[in-house]
């Protein structure tokens, strides 16, 4: 028996083949329930059923239409807040500027050898992407893997793994990177160490290089619960704290976006997981969002 046959027998039919085997009304009902969490309405049935019945619309194409709909983007809550936040962070990563030399602080992605930035959709080719993360023995159990990685080739370029604290970037020369990303990592070090990190990031960035950073918004997180949202956090910042820290360490804040809007929760003084899981994406009202996200730049060279 071939490997392909073994895999097919072991795991059974694919979801796509199962949907293709359903009647048109059943396929419509399943896709609506999975993606919109409701039954098809008469207008939706009238729009989609003829194509499903005559084969000009596949269930997979129907799913694509629904995922691009205003209803899915604005009305449908993710079942877990964490998955919704990850969705929004992927949108943020895809908005980064092109860069040839990249440093990703804390950029390991469990089960994804290409690292977090590539896995989350950074679209541009690079010469070298360096992921800095703690040695396995120094990590929280939630973030440990059973092996270290070294160099991973990806379609965009090589990803190099270096295992040490992000508070020590002394191994990297001045102006050696075009882009540094700190994704959900600055909150894991004490406030004084965060200044060390940002000072070193400014040093290793070329003049005019970019720092992208996202981190929990303490204002919204304290509405959710009194303690830190992750016991491994050392400090969760408000928007004003984070902006002051970035500017004091020599960065110009170019863009400020919030991820997952919590405006109604803040207005009511009561956190709604459903609201925040539904209001995913990037928002201008950064102070009313669950995550803070910044694109910063170092000063250009003086000519």
Foldseek 3Di string as FASTA:
>chain_A
DDPVVVVCVVVDDDPQVVLLPDQLLVLQQVLCCVQVVDGDDPVRCVVPSVCSHVVVAGSVNVNVVSCPDPCSQFPDFDPALVVLLLLQVLVVLCPDDDWAEEEEEQFADVPDVVTNSVVSPNDAAYAEYEYEEAPQVPDDPVPHDPDDDAWDQDPRYIYGYDHDHLLDPVVAAFQQTQEYEYEQNLQLDAPVSSLSNLLVVLRNHHAFGKYKYKHFAVVQVCLVDVDDPDPSGNDGHHPVVVVVSNVVSAKDWDAKWAFQFQVVCVVVSHGDSRRSSSNGYIHRVRRRHGMIITMITHHHDDD
